[in-house]
Amino acid sequence: MSLGILESHEFESKIERYEMHFGDRLVAFSDGVVELENEQNEMLGDEGIEKWLQSQPDINAEGVINKAIEYLGGMQRNDDVTVVIFTSQPFEPAVNKGLASKTPIRSKLSLN
């Protein structure tokens, strides 16, 4: 999923829902990652990032950043490089541990 490519008025937004299971990961990255160019002036693109993630399924955000630096070689980057990885974990209410109220906290992630 690329982040920050277009302004909100430049695309048609919609909500997509995906069921995530324990251990599933959602990788979000800025367009600065997609648009990285190596010394041969080849843009990384979504396909390049997908190859990284498929070849190293346990890669973390720091690992993706390191791969980006490696991909650049001696080239300068022209944009920010932002990577966020969410890993699905089972919901264990803290109620049973006496740490929270019985009302679960809802969070909403808005990407503008």
PDB file of N, CA and C in Angstrom:
ATOM      1  N   MET A   1       0.854  -1.166   0.000  1.00  0.00           N
ATOM      2  CA  MET A   1       0.000   0.000   0.000  1.00  0.00           C
ATOM      3  C   MET A   1       0.900   1.229   0.000  1.00  0.00           C
ATOM      4  N   SER A   2       0.759   2.067  -0.962  1.00  0.00           N
ATOM      5  CA  SER A   2       1.536   3.301  -1.019  1.00  0.00           C
ATOM      6  C   SER A   2       0.794   4.402  -0.269  1.00  0.00           C
ATOM      7  N   LEU A   3       1.536   5.229   0.446  1.00  0.00           N
ATOM      8  CA  LEU A   3       0.950   6.332   1.201  1.00  0.00           C
ATOM      9  C   LEU A   3       1.416   7.661   0.634  1.00  0.00           C
ATOM     10  N   GLY A   4       0.539   8.641   0.628  1.00  0.00           N
ATOM     11  CA  GLY A   4       0.933  10.005   0.313  1.00  0.00           C
ATOM     12  C   GLY A   4       1.185  10.300  -1.148  1.00  0.00           C
ATOM     13  N   ILE A   5       0.681   9.484  -2.054  1.00  0.00           N
ATOM     14  CA  ILE A   5       0.939   9.713  -3.475  1.00  0.00           C
ATOM     15  C   ILE A   5       0.095  10.849  -4.025  1.00  0.00           C
ATOM     16  N   LEU A   6      -1.174  10.893  -3.666  1.00  0.00           N
ATOM     17  CA  LEU A   6      -2.080  11.897  -4.211  1.00  0.00           C
ATOM     18  C   LEU A   6      -2.769  12.673  -3.100  1.00  0.00           C
ATOM     19  N   GLU A   7      -3.205  13.862  -3.433  1.00  0.00           N
ATOM     20  CA  GLU A   7      -4.037  14.638  -2.519  1.00  0.00           C
ATOM     21  C   GLU A   7      -5.440  14.034  -2.520  1.00  0.00           C
ATOM     22  N   SER A   8      -6.218  14.265  -1.461  1.00  0.00           N
ATOM     23  CA  SER A   8      -7.534  13.636  -1.339  1.00  0.00           C
ATOM     24  C   SER A   8      -8.478  13.996  -2.480  1.00  0.00           C
ATOM     25  N   HIS A   9      -8.340  15.182  -3.064  1.00  0.00           N
ATOM     26  CA  HIS A   9      -9.231  15.568  -4.167  1.00  0.00           C
ATOM     27  C   HIS A   9      -8.788  14.950  -5.505  1.00  0.00           C
ATOM     28  N   GLU A  10      -7.642  14.277  -5.532  1.00  0.00           N
ATOM     29  CA  GLU A  10      -7.110  13.721  -6.771  1.00  0.00           C
ATOM     30  C   GLU A  10      -7.450  12.247  -6.989  1.00  0.00           C
ATOM     31  N   PHE A  11      -8.125  11.630  -6.046  1.00  0.00           N
ATOM     32  CA  PHE A  11      -8.468  10.223  -6.217  1.00  0.00           C
ATOM     33  C   PHE A  11      -9.826   9.941  -5.608  1.00  0.00           C
ATOM     34  N   GLU A  12     -10.401   8.854  -6.045  1.00  0.00           N
ATOM     35  CA  GLU A  12     -11.687   8.422  -5.524  1.00  0.00           C
ATOM     36  C   GLU A  12     -11.403   7.495  -4.344  1.00  0.00           C
ATOM     37  N   SER A  13     -11.811   7.914  -3.171  1.00  0.00           N
ATOM     38  CA  SER A  13     -11.512   7.106  -1.996  1.00  0.00           C
ATOM     39  C   SER A  13     -12.618   6.093  -1.747  1.00  0.00           C
ATOM     40  N   LYS A  14     -12.229   4.989  -1.175  1.00  0.00           N
ATOM     41  CA  LYS A  14     -13.187   3.960  -0.791  1.00  0.00           C
ATOM     42  C   LYS A  14     -12.581   3.194   0.375  1.00  0.00           C
ATOM     43  N   ILE A  15     -13.409   2.498   1.070  1.00  0.00           N
ATOM     44  CA  ILE A  15     -12.957   1.698   2.197  1.00  0.00           C
ATOM     45  C   ILE A  15     -12.936   0.246   1.763  1.00  0.00           C
ATOM     46  N   GLU A  16     -11.823  -0.402   2.004  1.00  0.00           N
ATOM     47  CA  GLU A  16     -11.723  -1.834   1.747  1.00  0.00           C
ATOM     48  C   GLU A  16     -11.436  -2.508   3.070  1.00  0.00           C
ATOM     49  N   ARG A  17     -12.080  -3.617   3.303  1.00  0.00           N
ATOM     50  CA  ARG A  17     -11.877  -4.356   4.551  1.00  0.00           C
ATOM     51  C   ARG A  17     -11.226  -5.692   4.232  1.00  0.00           C
ATOM     52  N   TYR A  18     -10.251  -6.036   5.042  1.00  0.00           N
ATOM     53  CA  TYR A  18      -9.566  -7.306   4.905  1.00  0.00           C
ATOM     54  C   TYR A  18      -9.549  -7.975   6.267  1.00  0.00           C
ATOM     55  N   GLU A  19      -9.825  -9.249   6.285  1.00  0.00           N
ATOM     56  CA  GLU A  19      -9.746  -9.980   7.540  1.00  0.00           C
ATOM     57  C   GLU A  19      -8.298 -10.391   7.759  1.00  0.00           C
ATOM     58  N   MET A  20      -7.769 -10.002   8.891  1.00  0.00           N
ATOM     59  CA  MET A  20      -6.392 -10.352   9.218  1.00  0.00           C
ATOM     60  C   MET A  20      -6.401 -11.417  10.301  1.00  0.00           C
ATOM     61  N   HIS A  21      -5.486 -12.333  10.186  1.00  0.00           N
ATOM     62  CA  HIS A  21      -5.348 -13.404  11.161  1.00  0.00           C
ATOM     63  C   HIS A  21      -4.048 -13.200  11.926  1.00  0.00           C
ATOM     64  N   PHE A  22      -3.916 -13.903  13.024  1.00  0.00           N
ATOM     65  CA  PHE A  22      -2.735 -13.777  13.856  1.00  0.00           C
ATOM     66  C   PHE A  22      -1.474 -13.926  12.999  1.00  0.00           C
ATOM     67  N   GLY A  23      -0.588 -12.954  13.109  1.00  0.00           N
ATOM     68  CA  GLY A  23       0.672 -13.000  12.377  1.00  0.00           C
ATOM     69  C   GLY A  23       0.633 -12.334  11.018  1.00  0.00           C
ATOM     70  N   ASP A  24      -0.566 -12.053  10.481  1.00  0.00           N
ATOM     71  CA  ASP A  24      -0.644 -11.343   9.200  1.00  0.00           C
ATOM     72  C   ASP A  24      -0.034  -9.958   9.362  1.00  0.00           C
ATOM     73  N   ARG A  25       0.538  -9.455   8.269  1.00  0.00           N
ATOM     74  CA  ARG A  25       1.175  -8.146   8.336  1.00  0.00           C
ATOM     75  C   ARG A  25       0.636  -7.239   7.249  1.00  0.00           C
ATOM     76  N   LEU A  26       0.502  -5.977   7.584  1.00  0.00           N
ATOM     77  CA  LEU A  26       0.112  -4.938   6.646  1.00  0.00           C
ATOM     78  C   LEU A  26       1.308  -3.994   6.549  1.00  0.00           C
ATOM     79  N   VAL A  27       1.829  -3.843   5.339  1.00  0.00           N
ATOM     80  CA  VAL A  27       2.997  -2.992   5.119  1.00  0.00           C
ATOM     81  C   VAL A  27       2.533  -1.755   4.364  1.00  0.00           C
ATOM     82  N   ALA A  28       2.771  -0.587   4.941  1.00  0.00           N
ATOM     83  CA  ALA A  28       2.410   0.691   4.310  1.00  0.00           C
ATOM     84  C   ALA A  28       3.698   1.481   4.108  1.00  0.00           C
ATOM     85  N   PHE A  29       3.782   2.143   2.960  1.00  0.00           N
ATOM     86  CA  PHE A  29       5.001   2.896   2.668  1.00  0.00           C
ATOM     87  C   PHE A  29       4.660   4.124   1.846  1.00  0.00           C
ATOM     88  N   SER A  30       5.513   5.138   1.955  1.00  0.00           N
ATOM     89  CA  SER A  30       5.293   6.381   1.225  1.00  0.00           C
ATOM     90  C   SER A  30       5.738   6.227  -0.228  1.00  0.00           C
ATOM     91  N   ASP A  31       5.305   7.165  -1.045  1.00  0.00           N
ATOM     92  CA  ASP A  31       5.684   7.129  -2.459  1.00  0.00           C
ATOM     93  C   ASP A  31       7.184   7.313  -2.636  1.00  0.00           C
ATOM     94  N   GLY A  32       7.854   7.844  -1.623  1.00  0.00           N
ATOM     95  CA  GLY A  32       9.304   7.992  -1.693  1.00  0.00           C
ATOM     96  C   GLY A  32      10.015   6.656  -1.783  1.00  0.00           C
ATOM     97  N   VAL A  33       9.416   5.602  -1.261  1.00  0.00           N
ATOM     98  CA  VAL A  33       9.985   4.262  -1.376  1.00  0.00           C
ATOM     99  C   VAL A  33       9.768   3.744  -2.796  1.00  0.00           C
ATOM    100  N   VAL A  34       8.560   3.891  -3.296  1.00  0.00           N
ATOM    101  CA  VAL A  34       8.210   3.419  -4.639  1.00  0.00           C
ATOM    102  C   VAL A  34       9.066   4.105  -5.701  1.00  0.00           C
ATOM    103  N   GLU A  35       9.344   5.380  -5.501  1.00  0.00           N
ATOM    104  CA  GLU A  35      10.025   6.186  -6.513  1.00  0.00           C
ATOM    105  C   GLU A  35      11.551   6.203  -6.382  1.00  0.00           C
ATOM    106  N   LEU A  36      12.107   5.356  -5.526  1.00  0.00           N
ATOM    107  CA  LEU A  36      13.561   5.274  -5.412  1.00  0.00           C
ATOM    108  C   LEU A  36      14.165   4.887  -6.753  1.00  0.00           C
ATOM    109  N   GLU A  37      15.245   5.549  -7.131  1.00  0.00           N
ATOM    110  CA  GLU A  37      15.940   5.215  -8.372  1.00  0.00           C
ATOM    111  C   GLU A  37      17.366   4.797  -8.059  1.00  0.00           C
ATOM    112  N   ASN A  38      17.798   3.701  -8.687  1.00  0.00           N
ATOM    113  CA  ASN A  38      19.160   3.222  -8.478  1.00  0.00           C
ATOM    114  C   ASN A  38      20.126   3.901  -9.442  1.00  0.00           C
ATOM    115  N   GLU A  39      21.348   3.442  -9.451  1.00  0.00           N
ATOM    116  CA  GLU A  39      22.378   4.071 -10.285  1.00  0.00           C
ATOM    117  C   GLU A  39      22.129   3.899 -11.785  1.00  0.00           C
ATOM    118  N   GLN A  40      21.258   2.954 -12.157  1.00  0.00           N
ATOM    119  CA  GLN A  40      20.887   2.768 -13.563  1.00  0.00           C
ATOM    120  C   GLN A  40      19.613   3.542 -13.906  1.00  0.00           C
ATOM    121  N   ASN A  41      19.197   4.427 -12.987  1.00  0.00           N
ATOM    122  CA  ASN A  41      17.974   5.236 -13.135  1.00  0.00           C
ATOM    123  C   ASN A  41      16.718   4.377 -13.276  1.00  0.00           C
ATOM    124  N   GLU A  42      16.723   3.211 -12.620  1.00  0.00           N
ATOM    125  CA  GLU A  42      15.558   2.324 -12.614  1.00  0.00           C
ATOM    126  C   GLU A  42      14.764   2.581 -11.339  1.00  0.00           C
ATOM    127  N   MET A  43      13.477   2.875 -11.507  1.00  0.00           N
ATOM    128  CA  MET A  43      12.618   3.110 -10.354  1.00  0.00           C
ATOM    129  C   MET A  43      12.275   1.773  -9.692  1.00  0.00           C
ATOM    130  N   LEU A  44      12.266   1.734  -8.375  1.00  0.00           N
ATOM    131  CA  LEU A  44      11.977   0.513  -7.624  1.00  0.00           C
ATOM    132  C   LEU A  44      10.561   0.018  -7.904  1.00  0.00           C
ATOM    133  N   GLY A  45       9.571   0.880  -7.744  1.00  0.00           N
ATOM    134  CA  GLY A  45       8.179   0.513  -7.992  1.00  0.00           C
ATOM    135  C   GLY A  45       7.609  -0.429  -6.947  1.00  0.00           C
ATOM    136  N   ASP A  46       6.289  -0.623  -7.018  1.00  0.00           N
ATOM    137  CA  ASP A  46       5.604  -1.539  -6.103  1.00  0.00           C
ATOM    138  C   ASP A  46       6.140  -2.959  -6.256  1.00  0.00           C
ATOM    139  N   GLU A  47       6.461  -3.341  -7.506  1.00  0.00           N
ATOM    140  CA  GLU A  47       6.929  -4.703  -7.771  1.00  0.00           C
ATOM    141  C   GLU A  47       8.232  -4.995  -7.035  1.00  0.00           C
ATOM    142  N   GLY A  48       9.127  -4.017  -6.995  1.00  0.00           N
ATOM    143  CA  GLY A  48      10.394  -4.205  -6.294  1.00  0.00           C
ATOM    144  C   GLY A  48      10.188  -4.409  -4.806  1.00  0.00           C
ATOM    145  N   ILE A  49       9.282  -3.634  -4.237  1.00  0.00           N
ATOM    146  CA  ILE A  49       8.997  -3.770  -2.803  1.00  0.00           C
ATOM    147  C   ILE A  49       8.360  -5.125  -2.533  1.00  0.00           C
ATOM    148  N   GLU A  50       7.439  -5.539  -3.388  1.00  0.00           N
ATOM    149  CA  GLU A  50       6.801  -6.854  -3.226  1.00  0.00           C
ATOM    150  C   GLU A  50       7.839  -7.968  -3.259  1.00  0.00           C
ATOM    151  N   LYS A  51       8.828  -7.864  -4.140  1.00  0.00           N
ATOM    152  CA  LYS A  51       9.896  -8.876  -4.206  1.00  0.00           C
ATOM    153  C   LYS A  51      10.671  -8.919  -2.898  1.00  0.00           C
ATOM    154  N   TRP A  52      10.982  -7.741  -2.324  1.00  0.00           N
ATOM    155  CA  TRP A  52      11.696  -7.704  -1.047  1.00  0.00           C
ATOM    156  C   TRP A  52      10.888  -8.441   0.019  1.00  0.00           C
ATOM    157  N   LEU A  53       9.595  -8.118   0.087  1.00  0.00           N
ATOM    158  CA  LEU A  53       8.755  -8.685   1.140  1.00  0.00           C
ATOM    159  C   LEU A  53       8.559 -10.183   0.955  1.00  0.00           C
ATOM    160  N   GLN A  54       8.463 -10.636  -0.298  1.00  0.00           N
ATOM    161  CA  GLN A  54       8.300 -12.069  -0.546  1.00  0.00           C
ATOM    162  C   GLN A  54       9.581 -12.843  -0.255  1.00  0.00           C
ATOM    163  N   SER A  55      10.726 -12.219  -0.536  1.00  0.00           N
ATOM    164  CA  SER A  55      11.993 -12.915  -0.307  1.00  0.00           C
ATOM    165  C   SER A  55      12.384 -12.918   1.174  1.00  0.00           C
ATOM    166  N   GLN A  56      11.865 -11.982   1.936  1.00  0.00           N
ATOM    167  CA  GLN A  56      12.154 -11.898   3.369  1.00  0.00           C
ATOM    168  C   GLN A  56      10.857 -11.622   4.127  1.00  0.00           C
ATOM    169  N   PRO A  57      10.022 -12.641   4.318  1.00  0.00           N
ATOM    170  CA  PRO A  57       8.721 -12.418   4.954  1.00  0.00           C
ATOM    171  C   PRO A  57       8.788 -11.867   6.377  1.00  0.00           C
ATOM    172  N   ASP A  58       9.918 -12.030   7.057  1.00  0.00           N
ATOM    173  CA  ASP A  58      10.046 -11.540   8.434  1.00  0.00           C
ATOM    174  C   ASP A  58      10.696 -10.161   8.499  1.00  0.00           C
ATOM    175  N   ILE A  59      10.896  -9.509   7.361  1.00  0.00           N
ATOM    176  CA  ILE A  59      11.579  -8.218   7.332  1.00  0.00           C
ATOM    177  C   ILE A  59      10.803  -7.196   8.165  1.00  0.00           C
ATOM    178  N   ASN A  60      11.532  -6.341   8.868  1.00  0.00           N
ATOM    179  CA  ASN A  60      10.892  -5.283   9.643  1.00  0.00           C
ATOM    180  C   ASN A  60      11.092  -3.948   8.922  1.00  0.00           C
ATOM    181  N   ALA A  61      10.552  -2.875   9.479  1.00  0.00           N
ATOM    182  CA  ALA A  61      10.643  -1.560   8.833  1.00  0.00           C
ATOM    183  C   ALA A  61      12.097  -1.138   8.650  1.00  0.00           C
ATOM    184  N   GLU A  62      12.930  -1.382   9.637  1.00  0.00           N
ATOM    185  CA  GLU A  62      14.340  -1.038   9.513  1.00  0.00           C
ATOM    186  C   GLU A  62      14.991  -1.813   8.370  1.00  0.00           C
ATOM    187  N   GLY A  63      14.596  -3.076   8.211  1.00  0.00           N
ATOM    188  CA  GLY A  63      15.116  -3.885   7.116  1.00  0.00           C
ATOM    189  C   GLY A  63      14.723  -3.338   5.758  1.00  0.00           C
ATOM    190  N   VAL A  64      13.486  -2.842   5.637  1.00  0.00           N
ATOM    191  CA  VAL A  64      13.034  -2.247   4.372  1.00  0.00           C
ATOM    192  C   VAL A  64      13.832  -0.975   4.094  1.00  0.00           C
ATOM    193  N   ILE A  65      14.049  -0.160   5.119  1.00  0.00           N
ATOM    194  CA  ILE A  65      14.837   1.069   4.946  1.00  0.00           C
ATOM    195  C   ILE A  65      16.261   0.717   4.513  1.00  0.00           C
ATOM    196  N   ASN A  66      16.849  -0.304   5.127  1.00  0.00           N
ATOM    197  CA  ASN A  66      18.199  -0.723   4.742  1.00  0.00           C
ATOM    198  C   ASN A  66      18.242  -1.209   3.302  1.00  0.00           C
ATOM    199  N   LYS A  67      17.208  -1.944   2.877  1.00  0.00           N
ATOM    200  CA  LYS A  67      17.136  -2.392   1.484  1.00  0.00           C
ATOM    201  C   LYS A  67      17.022  -1.189   0.556  1.00  0.00           C
ATOM    202  N   ALA A  68      16.286  -0.167   0.978  1.00  0.00           N
ATOM    203  CA  ALA A  68      16.128   1.048   0.169  1.00  0.00           C
ATOM    204  C   ALA A  68      17.478   1.740   0.001  1.00  0.00           C
ATOM    205  N   ILE A  69      18.242   1.846   1.074  1.00  0.00           N
ATOM    206  CA  ILE A  69      19.564   2.468   1.015  1.00  0.00           C
ATOM    207  C   ILE A  69      20.473   1.664   0.088  1.00  0.00           C
ATOM    208  N   GLU A  70      20.403   0.349   0.215  1.00  0.00           N
ATOM    209  CA  GLU A  70      21.201  -0.533  -0.648  1.00  0.00           C
ATOM    210  C   GLU A  70      20.800  -0.353  -2.114  1.00  0.00           C
ATOM    211  N   TYR A  71      19.496  -0.259  -2.379  1.00  0.00           N
ATOM    212  CA  TYR A  71      19.000  -0.095  -3.746  1.00  0.00           C
ATOM    213  C   TYR A  71      19.507   1.208  -4.363  1.00  0.00           C
ATOM    214  N   LEU A  72      19.541   2.264  -3.565  1.00  0.00           N
ATOM    215  CA  LEU A  72      19.989   3.565  -4.058  1.00  0.00           C
ATOM    216  C   LEU A  72      21.439   3.546  -4.523  1.00  0.00           C
ATOM    217  N   GLY A  73      22.252   2.719  -3.895  1.00  0.00           N
ATOM    218  CA  GLY A  73      23.677   2.737  -4.206  1.00  0.00           C
ATOM    219  C   GLY A  73      24.233   4.101  -3.835  1.00  0.00           C
ATOM    220  N   GLY A  74      24.860   4.785  -4.768  1.00  0.00           N
ATOM    221  CA  GLY A  74      25.423   6.100  -4.503  1.00  0.00           C
ATOM    222  C   GLY A  74      24.480   7.244  -4.839  1.00  0.00           C
ATOM    223  N   MET A  75      23.250   6.929  -5.245  1.00  0.00           N
ATOM    224  CA  MET A  75      22.299   7.965  -5.655  1.00  0.00           C
ATOM    225  C   MET A  75      21.694   8.663  -4.438  1.00  0.00           C
ATOM    226  N   GLN A  76      21.291   9.909  -4.629  1.00  0.00           N
ATOM    227  CA  GLN A  76      20.581  10.668  -3.597  1.00  0.00           C
ATOM    228  C   GLN A  76      19.095  10.362  -3.700  1.00  0.00           C
ATOM    229  N   ARG A  77      18.420  10.333  -2.567  1.00  0.00           N
ATOM    230  CA  ARG A  77      16.960  10.173  -2.651  1.00  0.00           C
ATOM    231  C   ARG A  77      16.328  11.542  -2.774  1.00  0.00           C
ATOM    232  N   ASN A  78      15.200  11.588  -3.461  1.00  0.00           N
ATOM    233  CA  ASN A  78      14.539  12.856  -3.747  1.00  0.00           C
ATOM    234  C   ASN A  78      13.287  13.086  -2.911  1.00  0.00           C
ATOM    235  N   ASP A  79      12.935  12.142  -2.062  1.00  0.00           N
ATOM    236  CA  ASP A  79      11.678  12.230  -1.317  1.00  0.00           C
ATOM    237  C   ASP A  79      11.867  11.517   0.019  1.00  0.00           C
ATOM    238  N   ASP A  80      10.881  11.692   0.893  1.00  0.00           N
ATOM    239  CA  ASP A  80      10.942  10.986   2.173  1.00  0.00           C
ATOM    240  C   ASP A  80      10.778   9.482   1.935  1.00  0.00           C
ATOM    241  N   VAL A  81      11.290   8.708   2.859  1.00  0.00           N
ATOM    242  CA  VAL A  81      11.134   7.256   2.828  1.00  0.00           C
ATOM    243  C   VAL A  81      10.497   6.864   4.154  1.00  0.00           C
ATOM    244  N   THR A  82       9.220   6.479   4.091  1.00  0.00           N
ATOM    245  CA  THR A  82       8.475   6.140   5.291  1.00  0.00           C
ATOM    246  C   THR A  82       7.920   4.728   5.150  1.00  0.00           C
ATOM    247  N   VAL A  83       8.123   3.899   6.177  1.00  0.00           N
ATOM    248  CA  VAL A  83       7.632   2.531   6.173  1.00  0.00           C
ATOM    249  C   VAL A  83       6.986   2.252   7.524  1.00  0.00           C
ATOM    250  N   VAL A  84       5.781   1.676   7.490  1.00  0.00           N
ATOM    251  CA  VAL A  84       5.088   1.263   8.710  1.00  0.00           C
ATOM    252  C   VAL A  84       4.618  -0.169   8.487  1.00  0.00           C
ATOM    253  N   ILE A  85       4.899  -1.048   9.443  1.00  0.00           N
ATOM    254  CA  ILE A  85       4.447  -2.438   9.349  1.00  0.00           C
ATOM    255  C   ILE A  85       3.585  -2.743  10.563  1.00  0.00           C
ATOM    256  N   PHE A  86       2.348  -3.160  10.294  1.00  0.00           N
ATOM    257  CA  PHE A  86       1.415  -3.557  11.341  1.00  0.00           C
ATOM    258  C   PHE A  86       1.354  -5.084  11.345  1.00  0.00           C
ATOM    259  N   THR A  87       1.474  -5.697  12.518  1.00  0.00           N
ATOM    260  CA  THR A  87       1.376  -7.147  12.636  1.00  0.00           C
ATOM    261  C   THR A  87       0.148  -7.471  13.471  1.00  0.00           C
ATOM    262  N   SER A  88      -0.709  -8.339  12.930  1.00  0.00           N
ATOM    263  CA  SER A  88      -1.947  -8.715  13.609  1.00  0.00           C
ATOM    264  C   SER A  88      -1.639  -9.616  14.799  1.00  0.00           C
ATOM    265  N   GLN A  89      -2.231  -9.258  15.936  1.00  0.00           N
ATOM    266  CA  GLN A  89      -2.068 -10.050  17.142  1.00  0.00           C
ATOM    267  C   GLN A  89      -3.444 -10.282  17.744  1.00  0.00           C
ATOM    268  N   PRO A  90      -3.610 -11.357  18.494  1.00  0.00           N
ATOM    269  CA  PRO A  90      -4.924 -11.606  19.092  1.00  0.00           C
ATOM    270  C   PRO A  90      -5.286 -10.512  20.085  1.00  0.00           C
ATOM    271  N   PHE A  91      -6.568 -10.185  20.127  1.00  0.00           N
ATOM    272  CA  PHE A  91      -7.051  -9.175  21.052  1.00  0.00           C
ATOM    273  C   PHE A  91      -7.240  -9.817  22.412  1.00  0.00           C
ATOM    274  N   GLU A  92      -6.516  -9.334  23.390  1.00  0.00           N
ATOM    275  CA  GLU A  92      -6.661  -9.822  24.755  1.00  0.00           C
ATOM    276  C   GLU A  92      -7.080  -8.658  25.630  1.00  0.00           C
ATOM    277  N   PRO A  93      -8.368  -8.558  25.931  1.00  0.00           N
ATOM    278  CA  PRO A  93      -8.807  -7.433  26.757  1.00  0.00           C
ATOM    279  C   PRO A  93      -8.063  -7.393  28.084  1.00  0.00           C
ATOM    280  N   ALA A  94      -7.712  -6.207  28.478  1.00  0.00           N
ATOM    281  CA  ALA A  94      -6.992  -6.028  29.742  1.00  0.00           C
ATOM    282  C   ALA A  94      -7.940  -6.094  30.934  1.00  0.00           C
ATOM    283  N   VAL A  95      -9.246  -6.275  30.670  1.00  0.00           N
ATOM    284  CA  VAL A  95     -10.240  -6.320  31.750  1.00  0.00           C
ATOM    285  C   VAL A  95      -9.906  -7.429  32.736  1.00  0.00           C
ATOM    286  N   ASN A  96      -9.567  -8.594  32.195  1.00  0.00           N
ATOM    287  CA  ASN A  96      -9.287  -9.738  33.068  1.00  0.00           C
ATOM    288  C   ASN A  96      -8.050  -9.517  33.930  1.00  0.00           C
ATOM    289  N   LYS A  97      -7.230  -8.608  33.535  1.00  0.00           N
ATOM    290  CA  LYS A  97      -6.010  -8.325  34.283  1.00  0.00           C
ATOM    291  C   LYS A  97      -6.200  -7.130  35.212  1.00  0.00           C
ATOM    292  N   GLY A  98      -7.410  -6.566  35.217  1.00  0.00           N
ATOM    293  CA  GLY A  98      -7.695  -5.427  36.068  1.00  0.00           C
ATOM    294  C   GLY A  98      -7.022  -4.149  35.604  1.00  0.00           C
ATOM    295  N   LEU A  99      -6.687  -4.072  34.295  1.00  0.00           N
ATOM    296  CA  LEU A  99      -5.953  -2.912  33.803  1.00  0.00           C
ATOM    297  C   LEU A  99      -6.805  -1.914  33.030  1.00  0.00           C
ATOM    298  N   ALA A 100      -8.030  -2.304  32.674  1.00  0.00           N
ATOM    299  CA  ALA A 100      -8.832  -1.404  31.839  1.00  0.00           C
ATOM    300  C   ALA A 100     -10.309  -1.631  32.097  1.00  0.00           C
ATOM    301  N   SER A 101     -11.110  -0.714  31.564  1.00  0.00           N
ATOM    302  CA  SER A 101     -12.560  -0.865  31.682  1.00  0.00           C
ATOM    303  C   SER A 101     -13.020  -1.957  30.735  1.00  0.00           C
ATOM    304  N   LYS A 102     -14.301  -2.299  30.791  1.00  0.00           N
ATOM    305  CA  LYS A 102     -14.849  -3.340  29.931  1.00  0.00           C
ATOM    306  C   LYS A 102     -15.107  -2.844  28.517  1.00  0.00           C
ATOM    307  N   THR A 103     -14.991  -1.555  28.281  1.00  0.00           N
ATOM    308  CA  THR A 103     -15.213  -0.997  26.949  1.00  0.00           C
ATOM    309  C   THR A 103     -13.906  -1.019  26.175  1.00  0.00           C
ATOM    310  N   PRO A 104     -13.872  -1.772  25.073  1.00  0.00           N
ATOM    311  CA  PRO A 104     -12.628  -1.785  24.304  1.00  0.00           C
ATOM    312  C   PRO A 104     -12.360  -0.425  23.670  1.00  0.00           C
ATOM    313  N   ILE A 105     -11.117  -0.125  23.508  1.00  0.00           N
ATOM    314  CA  ILE A 105     -10.726   1.129  22.866  1.00  0.00           C
ATOM    315  C   ILE A 105     -10.768   0.921  21.366  1.00  0.00           C
ATOM    316  N   ARG A 106     -11.450   1.807  20.679  1.00  0.00           N
ATOM    317  CA  ARG A 106     -11.492   1.739  19.222  1.00  0.00           C
ATOM    318  C   ARG A 106     -10.492   2.754  18.689  1.00  0.00           C
ATOM    319  N   SER A 107      -9.771   2.343  17.687  1.00  0.00           N
ATOM    320  CA  SER A 107      -8.845   3.278  17.074  1.00  0.00           C
ATOM    321  C   SER A 107      -9.153   3.352  15.588  1.00  0.00           C
ATOM    322  N   LYS A 108      -8.904   4.490  15.020  1.00  0.00           N
ATOM    323  CA  LYS A 108      -9.147   4.709  13.596  1.00  0.00           C
ATOM    324  C   LYS A 108      -7.898   5.311  12.998  1.00  0.00           C
ATOM    325  N   LEU A 109      -7.431   4.714  11.937  1.00  0.00           N
ATOM    326  CA  LEU A 109      -6.248   5.206  11.249  1.00  0.00           C
ATOM    327  C   LEU A 109      -6.715   5.918   9.996  1.00  0.00           C
ATOM    328  N   SER A 110      -6.427   7.203   9.915  1.00  0.00           N
ATOM    329  CA  SER A 110      -6.793   8.016   8.757  1.00  0.00           C
ATOM    330  C   SER A 110      -5.542   8.388   8.013  1.00  0.00           C
ATOM    331  N   LEU A 111      -5.490   8.063   6.743  1.00  0.00           N
ATOM    332  CA  LEU A 111      -4.342   8.383   5.928  1.00  0.00           C
ATOM    333  C   LEU A 111      -4.759   9.460   4.941  1.00  0.00           C
ATOM    334  N   ASN A 112      -4.288  10.657   5.147  1.00  0.00           N
ATOM    335  CA  ASN A 112      -4.643  11.776   4.285  1.00  0.00           C
ATOM    336  C   ASN A 112      -3.467  12.187   3.458  1.00  0.00           C
TER     337      ASN A 112
END
